[in-house]
Amino acid sequence: MFKTVLLVLYIIARLYQVVLVFTIILSWVPGSSDYAVFRFVQAAGGCYLDVFRGKIVLFAFDFGTIIALGVYELIINFAFLL
């Protein structure tokens, strides 16, 4: 039972990681906020990514989202030890 709960939480964490990647991709697509589905994806991923946005900027590039994905991956790996 406990392993099943951990597996479900792990799958949810990985699905949220996909949402984060889609949020990053959609930030490069002009007009993506015109559609409700894309606004939902951006809102869901934005709550985590906004913590890192604008923190590490080199020239015109914001590396905060890359750091955010790396930190999220570390959190998942340490939390589930897989």
PDB file of N, CA and C in Angstrom:
ATOM      1  N   MET A   1       0.822  -1.195   0.000  1.00  0.00           N
ATOM      2  CA  MET A   1       0.000   0.000   0.000  1.00  0.00           C
ATOM      3  C   MET A   1       0.868   1.262   0.000  1.00  0.00           C
ATOM      4  N   PHE A   2       1.890   1.279   0.873  1.00  0.00           N
ATOM      5  CA  PHE A   2       2.767   2.439   0.960  1.00  0.00           C
ATOM      6  C   PHE A   2       3.542   2.643  -0.338  1.00  0.00           C
ATOM      7  N   LYS A   3       4.000   1.548  -0.937  1.00  0.00           N
ATOM      8  CA  LYS A   3       4.725   1.650  -2.208  1.00  0.00           C
ATOM      9  C   LYS A   3       3.830   2.186  -3.313  1.00  0.00           C
ATOM     10  N   THR A   4       2.563   1.813  -3.280  1.00  0.00           N
ATOM     11  CA  THR A   4       1.617   2.301  -4.282  1.00  0.00           C
ATOM     12  C   THR A   4       1.421   3.806  -4.142  1.00  0.00           C
ATOM     13  N   VAL A   5       1.297   4.279  -2.923  1.00  0.00           N
ATOM     14  CA  VAL A   5       1.138   5.713  -2.686  1.00  0.00           C
ATOM     15  C   VAL A   5       2.377   6.465  -3.153  1.00  0.00           C
ATOM     16  N   LEU A   6       3.558   5.936  -2.843  1.00  0.00           N
ATOM     17  CA  LEU A   6       4.796   6.567  -3.302  1.00  0.00           C
ATOM     18  C   LEU A   6       4.893   6.588  -4.822  1.00  0.00           C
ATOM     19  N   LEU A   7       4.472   5.504  -5.455  1.00  0.00           N
ATOM     20  CA  LEU A   7       4.505   5.451  -6.913  1.00  0.00           C
ATOM     21  C   LEU A   7       3.564   6.488  -7.514  1.00  0.00           C
ATOM     22  N   VAL A   8       2.389   6.637  -6.960  1.00  0.00           N
ATOM     23  CA  VAL A   8       1.434   7.635  -7.454  1.00  0.00           C
ATOM     24  C   VAL A   8       1.994   9.042  -7.266  1.00  0.00           C
ATOM     25  N   LEU A   9       2.597   9.321  -6.115  1.00  0.00           N
ATOM     26  CA  LEU A   9       3.205  10.629  -5.881  1.00  0.00           C
ATOM     27  C   LEU A   9       4.365  10.887  -6.836  1.00  0.00           C
ATOM     28  N   TYR A  10       5.132   9.854  -7.119  1.00  0.00           N
ATOM     29  CA  TYR A  10       6.245   9.979  -8.062  1.00  0.00           C
ATOM     30  C   TYR A  10       5.732  10.305  -9.464  1.00  0.00           C
ATOM     31  N   ILE A  11       4.673   9.639  -9.878  1.00  0.00           N
ATOM     32  CA  ILE A  11       4.094   9.893 -11.201  1.00  0.00           C
ATOM     33  C   ILE A  11       3.546  11.313 -11.275  1.00  0.00           C
ATOM     34  N   ILE A  12       2.892  11.763 -10.214  1.00  0.00           N
ATOM     35  CA  ILE A  12       2.370  13.133 -10.187  1.00  0.00           C
ATOM     36  C   ILE A  12       3.515  14.142 -10.265  1.00  0.00           C
ATOM     37  N   ALA A  13       4.603  13.877  -9.561  1.00  0.00           N
ATOM     38  CA  ALA A  13       5.760  14.771  -9.599  1.00  0.00           C
ATOM     39  C   ALA A  13       6.359  14.825 -10.995  1.00  0.00           C
ATOM     40  N   ARG A  14       6.443  13.690 -11.664  1.00  0.00           N
ATOM     41  CA  ARG A  14       6.981  13.675 -13.035  1.00  0.00           C
ATOM     42  C   ARG A  14       6.037  14.367 -14.018  1.00  0.00           C
ATOM     43  N   LEU A  15       4.740  14.213 -13.829  1.00  0.00           N
ATOM     44  CA  LEU A  15       3.779  14.908 -14.691  1.00  0.00           C
ATOM     45  C   LEU A  15       3.885  16.417 -14.500  1.00  0.00           C
ATOM     46  N   TYR A  16       4.098  16.849 -13.273  1.00  0.00           N
ATOM     47  CA  TYR A  16       4.285  18.279 -13.031  1.00  0.00           C
ATOM     48  C   TYR A  16       5.573  18.771 -13.683  1.00  0.00           C
ATOM     49  N   GLN A  17       6.569  17.928 -13.763  1.00  0.00           N
ATOM     50  CA  GLN A  17       7.799  18.302 -14.451  1.00  0.00           C
ATOM     51  C   GLN A  17       7.525  18.531 -15.939  1.00  0.00           C
ATOM     52  N   VAL A  18       6.662  17.724 -16.518  1.00  0.00           N
ATOM     53  CA  VAL A  18       6.260  17.924 -17.916  1.00  0.00           C
ATOM     54  C   VAL A  18       5.526  19.254 -18.053  1.00  0.00           C
ATOM     55  N   VAL A  19       4.677  19.579 -17.088  1.00  0.00           N
ATOM     56  CA  VAL A  19       3.975  20.867 -17.101  1.00  0.00           C
ATOM     57  C   VAL A  19       4.980  22.013 -17.042  1.00  0.00           C
ATOM     58  N   LEU A  20       6.022  21.869 -16.253  1.00  0.00           N
ATOM     59  CA  LEU A  20       7.058  22.900 -16.176  1.00  0.00           C
ATOM     60  C   LEU A  20       7.745  23.095 -17.523  1.00  0.00           C
ATOM     61  N   VAL A  21       8.060  22.005 -18.194  1.00  0.00           N
ATOM     62  CA  VAL A  21       8.713  22.102 -19.507  1.00  0.00           C
ATOM     63  C   VAL A  21       7.774  22.756 -20.517  1.00  0.00           C
ATOM     64  N   PHE A  22       6.498  22.371 -20.508  1.00  0.00           N
ATOM     65  CA  PHE A  22       5.525  23.004 -21.408  1.00  0.00           C
ATOM     66  C   PHE A  22       5.398  24.494 -21.107  1.00  0.00           C
ATOM     67  N   THR A  23       5.446  24.860 -19.840  1.00  0.00           N
ATOM     68  CA  THR A  23       5.365  26.272 -19.468  1.00  0.00           C
ATOM     69  C   THR A  23       6.545  27.044 -20.040  1.00  0.00           C
ATOM     70  N   ILE A  24       7.723  26.457 -19.972  1.00  0.00           N
ATOM     71  CA  ILE A  24       8.912  27.114 -20.519  1.00  0.00           C
ATOM     72  C   ILE A  24       8.798  27.246 -22.032  1.00  0.00           C
ATOM     73  N   ILE A  25       8.353  26.197 -22.695  1.00  0.00           N
ATOM     74  CA  ILE A  25       8.195  26.248 -24.152  1.00  0.00           C
ATOM     75  C   ILE A  25       7.143  27.275 -24.544  1.00  0.00           C
ATOM     76  N   LEU A  26       6.024  27.295 -23.821  1.00  0.00           N
ATOM     77  CA  LEU A  26       4.952  28.236 -24.147  1.00  0.00           C
ATOM     78  C   LEU A  26       5.366  29.684 -23.919  1.00  0.00           C
ATOM     79  N   SER A  27       6.332  29.916 -23.058  1.00  0.00           N
ATOM     80  CA  SER A  27       6.780  31.288 -22.838  1.00  0.00           C
ATOM     81  C   SER A  27       7.482  31.851 -24.072  1.00  0.00           C
ATOM     82  N   TRP A  28       7.907  30.993 -24.971  1.00  0.00           N
ATOM     83  CA  TRP A  28       8.554  31.422 -26.206  1.00  0.00           C
ATOM     84  C   TRP A  28       7.575  31.552 -27.366  1.00  0.00           C
ATOM     85  N   VAL A  29       6.352  31.080 -27.195  1.00  0.00           N
ATOM     86  CA  VAL A  29       5.365  31.101 -28.276  1.00  0.00           C
ATOM     87  C   VAL A  29       4.492  32.339 -28.121  1.00  0.00           C
ATOM     88  N   PRO A  30       4.544  33.255 -29.102  1.00  0.00           N
ATOM     89  CA  PRO A  30       3.701  34.444 -28.994  1.00  0.00           C
ATOM     90  C   PRO A  30       2.218  34.086 -29.141  1.00  0.00           C
ATOM     91  N   GLY A  31       1.396  34.721 -28.347  1.00  0.00           N
ATOM     92  CA  GLY A  31      -0.043  34.505 -28.425  1.00  0.00           C
ATOM     93  C   GLY A  31      -0.533  33.250 -27.741  1.00  0.00           C
ATOM     94  N   SER A  32       0.343  32.563 -27.021  1.00  0.00           N
ATOM     95  CA  SER A  32      -0.090  31.320 -26.376  1.00  0.00           C
ATOM     96  C   SER A  32      -1.050  31.586 -25.221  1.00  0.00           C
ATOM     97  N   SER A  33      -1.020  32.788 -24.680  1.00  0.00           N
ATOM     98  CA  SER A  33      -1.920  33.098 -23.563  1.00  0.00           C
ATOM     99  C   SER A  33      -3.332  33.420 -24.032  1.00  0.00           C
ATOM    100  N   ASP A  34      -3.581  33.324 -25.331  1.00  0.00           N
ATOM    101  CA  ASP A  34      -4.926  33.561 -25.858  1.00  0.00           C
ATOM    102  C   ASP A  34      -5.848  32.380 -25.620  1.00  0.00           C
ATOM    103  N   TYR A  35      -5.312  31.231 -25.316  1.00  0.00           N
ATOM    104  CA  TYR A  35      -6.111  30.015 -25.155  1.00  0.00           C
ATOM    105  C   TYR A  35      -6.155  29.608 -23.684  1.00  0.00           C
ATOM    106  N   ALA A  36      -7.344  29.198 -23.243  1.00  0.00           N
ATOM    107  CA  ALA A  36      -7.553  28.880 -21.827  1.00  0.00           C
ATOM    108  C   ALA A  36      -6.674  27.721 -21.362  1.00  0.00           C
ATOM    109  N   VAL A  37      -6.500  26.722 -22.216  1.00  0.00           N
ATOM    110  CA  VAL A  37      -5.681  25.561 -21.837  1.00  0.00           C
ATOM    111  C   VAL A  37      -4.237  25.992 -21.590  1.00  0.00           C
ATOM    112  N   PHE A  38      -3.721  26.826 -22.470  1.00  0.00           N
ATOM    113  CA  PHE A  38      -2.344  27.278 -22.312  1.00  0.00           C
ATOM    114  C   PHE A  38      -2.200  28.199 -21.102  1.00  0.00           C
ATOM    115  N   ARG A  39      -3.214  29.030 -20.835  1.00  0.00           N
ATOM    116  CA  ARG A  39      -3.178  29.876 -19.635  1.00  0.00           C
ATOM    117  C   ARG A  39      -3.148  29.025 -18.372  1.00  0.00           C
ATOM    118  N   PHE A  40      -3.913  27.920 -18.376  1.00  0.00           N
ATOM    119  CA  PHE A  40      -3.911  27.021 -17.222  1.00  0.00           C
ATOM    120  C   PHE A  40      -2.531  26.393 -17.025  1.00  0.00           C
ATOM    121  N   VAL A  41      -1.915  25.943 -18.120  1.00  0.00           N
ATOM    122  CA  VAL A  41      -0.577  25.335 -18.033  1.00  0.00           C
ATOM    123  C   VAL A  41       0.428  26.364 -17.519  1.00  0.00           C
ATOM    124  N   GLN A  42       0.337  27.592 -18.035  1.00  0.00           N
ATOM    125  CA  GLN A  42       1.264  28.628 -17.591  1.00  0.00           C
ATOM    126  C   GLN A  42       1.042  29.000 -16.129  1.00  0.00           C
ATOM    127  N   ALA A  43      -0.206  28.988 -15.683  1.00  0.00           N
ATOM    128  CA  ALA A  43      -0.490  29.289 -14.275  1.00  0.00           C
ATOM    129  C   ALA A  43      -0.002  28.165 -13.367  1.00  0.00           C
ATOM    130  N   ALA A  44      -0.185  26.922 -13.802  1.00  0.00           N
ATOM    131  CA  ALA A  44       0.227  25.774 -12.986  1.00  0.00           C
ATOM    132  C   ALA A  44       1.748  25.707 -12.863  1.00  0.00           C
ATOM    133  N   GLY A  45       2.445  25.935 -13.943  1.00  0.00           N
ATOM    134  CA  GLY A  45       3.903  25.877 -13.901  1.00  0.00           C
ATOM    135  C   GLY A  45       4.536  27.149 -13.379  1.00  0.00           C
ATOM    136  N   GLY A  46       3.833  28.254 -13.560  1.00  0.00           N
ATOM    137  CA  GLY A  46       4.379  29.540 -13.160  1.00  0.00           C
ATOM    138  C   GLY A  46       4.571  29.702 -11.669  1.00  0.00           C
ATOM    139  N   CYS A  47       3.727  29.038 -10.875  1.00  0.00           N
ATOM    140  CA  CYS A  47       3.862  29.203  -9.417  1.00  0.00           C
ATOM    141  C   CYS A  47       5.217  28.701  -8.928  1.00  0.00           C
ATOM    142  N   TYR A  48       5.770  27.696  -9.552  1.00  0.00           N
ATOM    143  CA  TYR A  48       7.101  27.216  -9.155  1.00  0.00           C
ATOM    144  C   TYR A  48       8.194  27.997  -9.887  1.00  0.00           C
ATOM    145  N   LEU A  49       8.010  28.221 -11.173  1.00  0.00           N
ATOM    146  CA  LEU A  49       9.059  28.860 -11.967  1.00  0.00           C
ATOM    147  C   LEU A  49       9.265  30.326 -11.600  1.00  0.00           C
ATOM    148  N   ASP A  50       8.217  31.005 -11.131  1.00  0.00           N
ATOM    149  CA  ASP A  50       8.345  32.419 -10.784  1.00  0.00           C
ATOM    150  C   ASP A  50       9.323  32.654  -9.636  1.00  0.00           C
ATOM    151  N   VAL A  51       9.546  31.640  -8.824  1.00  0.00           N
ATOM    152  CA  VAL A  51      10.512  31.766  -7.727  1.00  0.00           C
ATOM    153  C   VAL A  51      11.918  31.966  -8.288  1.00  0.00           C
ATOM    154  N   PHE A  52      12.209  31.386  -9.442  1.00  0.00           N
ATOM    155  CA  PHE A  52      13.554  31.407 -10.014  1.00  0.00           C
ATOM    156  C   PHE A  52      13.717  32.435 -11.136  1.00  0.00           C
ATOM    157  N   ARG A  53      12.626  32.912 -11.703  1.00  0.00           N
ATOM    158  CA  ARG A  53      12.719  33.829 -12.846  1.00  0.00           C
ATOM    159  C   ARG A  53      13.354  35.151 -12.440  1.00  0.00           C
ATOM    160  N   GLY A  54      14.270  35.605 -13.292  1.00  0.00           N
ATOM    161  CA  GLY A  54      14.922  36.885 -13.078  1.00  0.00           C
ATOM    162  C   GLY A  54      16.048  36.868 -12.060  1.00  0.00           C
ATOM    163  N   LYS A  55      16.361  35.740 -11.507  1.00  0.00           N
ATOM    164  CA  LYS A  55      17.416  35.656 -10.492  1.00  0.00           C
ATOM    165  C   LYS A  55      18.805  35.521 -11.113  1.00  0.00           C
ATOM    166  N   ILE A  56      18.906  34.770 -12.206  1.00  0.00           N
ATOM    167  CA  ILE A  56      20.194  34.549 -12.857  1.00  0.00           C
ATOM    168  C   ILE A  56      20.046  34.960 -14.323  1.00  0.00           C
ATOM    169  N   VAL A  57      20.371  36.215 -14.603  1.00  0.00           N
ATOM    170  CA  VAL A  57      20.228  36.757 -15.953  1.00  0.00           C
ATOM    171  C   VAL A  57      21.615  37.106 -16.463  1.00  0.00           C
ATOM    172  N   LEU A  58      21.939  36.579 -17.633  1.00  0.00           N
ATOM    173  CA  LEU A  58      23.210  36.874 -18.277  1.00  0.00           C
ATOM    174  C   LEU A  58      22.896  37.412 -19.659  1.00  0.00           C
ATOM    175  N   PHE A  59      23.233  38.668 -19.875  1.00  0.00           N
ATOM    176  CA  PHE A  59      22.867  39.400 -21.083  1.00  0.00           C
ATOM    177  C   PHE A  59      21.346  39.389 -21.199  1.00  0.00           C
ATOM    178  N   ALA A  60      20.779  38.832 -22.247  1.00  0.00           N
ATOM    179  CA  ALA A  60      19.318  38.822 -22.405  1.00  0.00           C
ATOM    180  C   ALA A  60      18.712  37.475 -22.047  1.00  0.00           C
ATOM    181  N   PHE A  61      19.499  36.582 -21.502  1.00  0.00           N
ATOM    182  CA  PHE A  61      19.017  35.228 -21.218  1.00  0.00           C
ATOM    183  C   PHE A  61      18.803  35.035 -19.717  1.00  0.00           C
ATOM    184  N   ASP A  62      17.648  34.476 -19.397  1.00  0.00           N
ATOM    185  CA  ASP A  62      17.306  34.181 -18.006  1.00  0.00           C
ATOM    186  C   ASP A  62      17.536  32.692 -17.773  1.00  0.00           C
ATOM    187  N   PHE A  63      18.541  32.382 -16.985  1.00  0.00           N
ATOM    188  CA  PHE A  63      18.881  30.990 -16.704  1.00  0.00           C
ATOM    189  C   PHE A  63      18.150  30.450 -15.478  1.00  0.00           C
ATOM    190  N   GLY A  64      17.269  31.239 -14.912  1.00  0.00           N
ATOM    191  CA  GLY A  64      16.528  30.818 -13.735  1.00  0.00           C
ATOM    192  C   GLY A  64      15.656  29.604 -13.979  1.00  0.00           C
ATOM    193  N   THR A  65      15.067  29.507 -15.173  1.00  0.00           N
ATOM    194  CA  THR A  65      14.202  28.362 -15.460  1.00  0.00           C
ATOM    195  C   THR A  65      15.004  27.067 -15.578  1.00  0.00           C
ATOM    196  N   ILE A  66      16.218  27.168 -16.104  1.00  0.00           N
ATOM    197  CA  ILE A  66      17.071  25.981 -16.190  1.00  0.00           C
ATOM    198  C   ILE A  66      17.465  25.531 -14.782  1.00  0.00           C
ATOM    199  N   ILE A  67      17.796  26.492 -13.941  1.00  0.00           N
ATOM    200  CA  ILE A  67      18.119  26.180 -12.549  1.00  0.00           C
ATOM    201  C   ILE A  67      16.900  25.580 -11.855  1.00  0.00           C
ATOM    202  N   ALA A  68      15.719  26.117 -12.144  1.00  0.00           N
ATOM    203  CA  ALA A  68      14.482  25.607 -11.535  1.00  0.00           C
ATOM    204  C   ALA A  68      14.250  24.144 -11.898  1.00  0.00           C
ATOM    205  N   LEU A  69      14.470  23.793 -13.162  1.00  0.00           N
ATOM    206  CA  LEU A  69      14.306  22.395 -13.568  1.00  0.00           C
ATOM    207  C   LEU A  69      15.335  21.496 -12.880  1.00  0.00           C
ATOM    208  N   GLY A  70      16.555  21.970 -12.771  1.00  0.00           N
ATOM    209  CA  GLY A  70      17.583  21.186 -12.086  1.00  0.00           C
ATOM    210  C   GLY A  70      17.274  20.978 -10.615  1.00  0.00           C
ATOM    211  N   VAL A  71      16.814  22.027  -9.955  1.00  0.00           N
ATOM    212  CA  VAL A  71      16.452  21.916  -8.537  1.00  0.00           C
ATOM    213  C   VAL A  71      15.270  20.973  -8.372  1.00  0.00           C
ATOM    214  N   TYR A  72      14.291  21.077  -9.268  1.00  0.00           N
ATOM    215  CA  TYR A  72      13.122  20.192  -9.182  1.00  0.00           C
ATOM    216  C   TYR A  72      13.535  18.729  -9.362  1.00  0.00           C
ATOM    217  N   GLU A  73      14.439  18.488 -10.291  1.00  0.00           N
ATOM    218  CA  GLU A  73      14.937  17.124 -10.509  1.00  0.00           C
ATOM    219  C   GLU A  73      15.649  16.601  -9.258  1.00  0.00           C
ATOM    220  N   LEU A  74      16.462  17.445  -8.640  1.00  0.00           N
ATOM    221  CA  LEU A  74      17.139  17.038  -7.401  1.00  0.00           C
ATOM    222  C   LEU A  74      16.141  16.740  -6.286  1.00  0.00           C
ATOM    223  N   ILE A  75      15.115  17.565  -6.180  1.00  0.00           N
ATOM    224  CA  ILE A  75      14.093  17.343  -5.152  1.00  0.00           C
ATOM    225  C   ILE A  75      13.406  15.999  -5.366  1.00  0.00           C
ATOM    226  N   ILE A  76      13.041  15.716  -6.614  1.00  0.00           N
ATOM    227  CA  ILE A  76      12.376  14.439  -6.909  1.00  0.00           C
ATOM    228  C   ILE A  76      13.308  13.272  -6.593  1.00  0.00           C
ATOM    229  N   ASN A  77      14.561  13.374  -7.017  1.00  0.00           N
ATOM    230  CA  ASN A  77      15.502  12.272  -6.783  1.00  0.00           C
ATOM    231  C   ASN A  77      15.753  12.031  -5.299  1.00  0.00           C
ATOM    232  N   PHE A  78      15.894  13.093  -4.529  1.00  0.00           N
ATOM    233  CA  PHE A  78      16.127  12.917  -3.095  1.00  0.00           C
ATOM    234  C   PHE A  78      14.868  12.477  -2.366  1.00  0.00           C
ATOM    235  N   ALA A  79      13.718  12.962  -2.812  1.00  0.00           N
ATOM    236  CA  ALA A  79      12.472  12.623  -2.122  1.00  0.00           C
ATOM    237  C   ALA A  79      12.101  11.159  -2.312  1.00  0.00           C
ATOM    238  N   PHE A  80      12.352  10.636  -3.504  1.00  0.00           N
ATOM    239  CA  PHE A  80      11.923   9.272  -3.795  1.00  0.00           C
ATOM    240  C   PHE A  80      13.082   8.280  -3.858  1.00  0.00           C
ATOM    241  N   LEU A  81      14.323   8.788  -3.866  1.00  0.00           N
ATOM    242  CA  LEU A  81      15.515   7.931  -3.902  1.00  0.00           C
ATOM    243  C   LEU A  81      15.414   6.836  -4.954  1.00  0.00           C
ATOM    244  N   LEU A  82      15.091   7.285  -6.173  1.00  0.00           N
ATOM    245  CA  LEU A  82      14.967   6.314  -7.272  1.00  0.00           C
ATOM    246  C   LEU A  82      16.112   6.475  -8.233  1.00  0.00           C
TER     247      LEU A  82
END
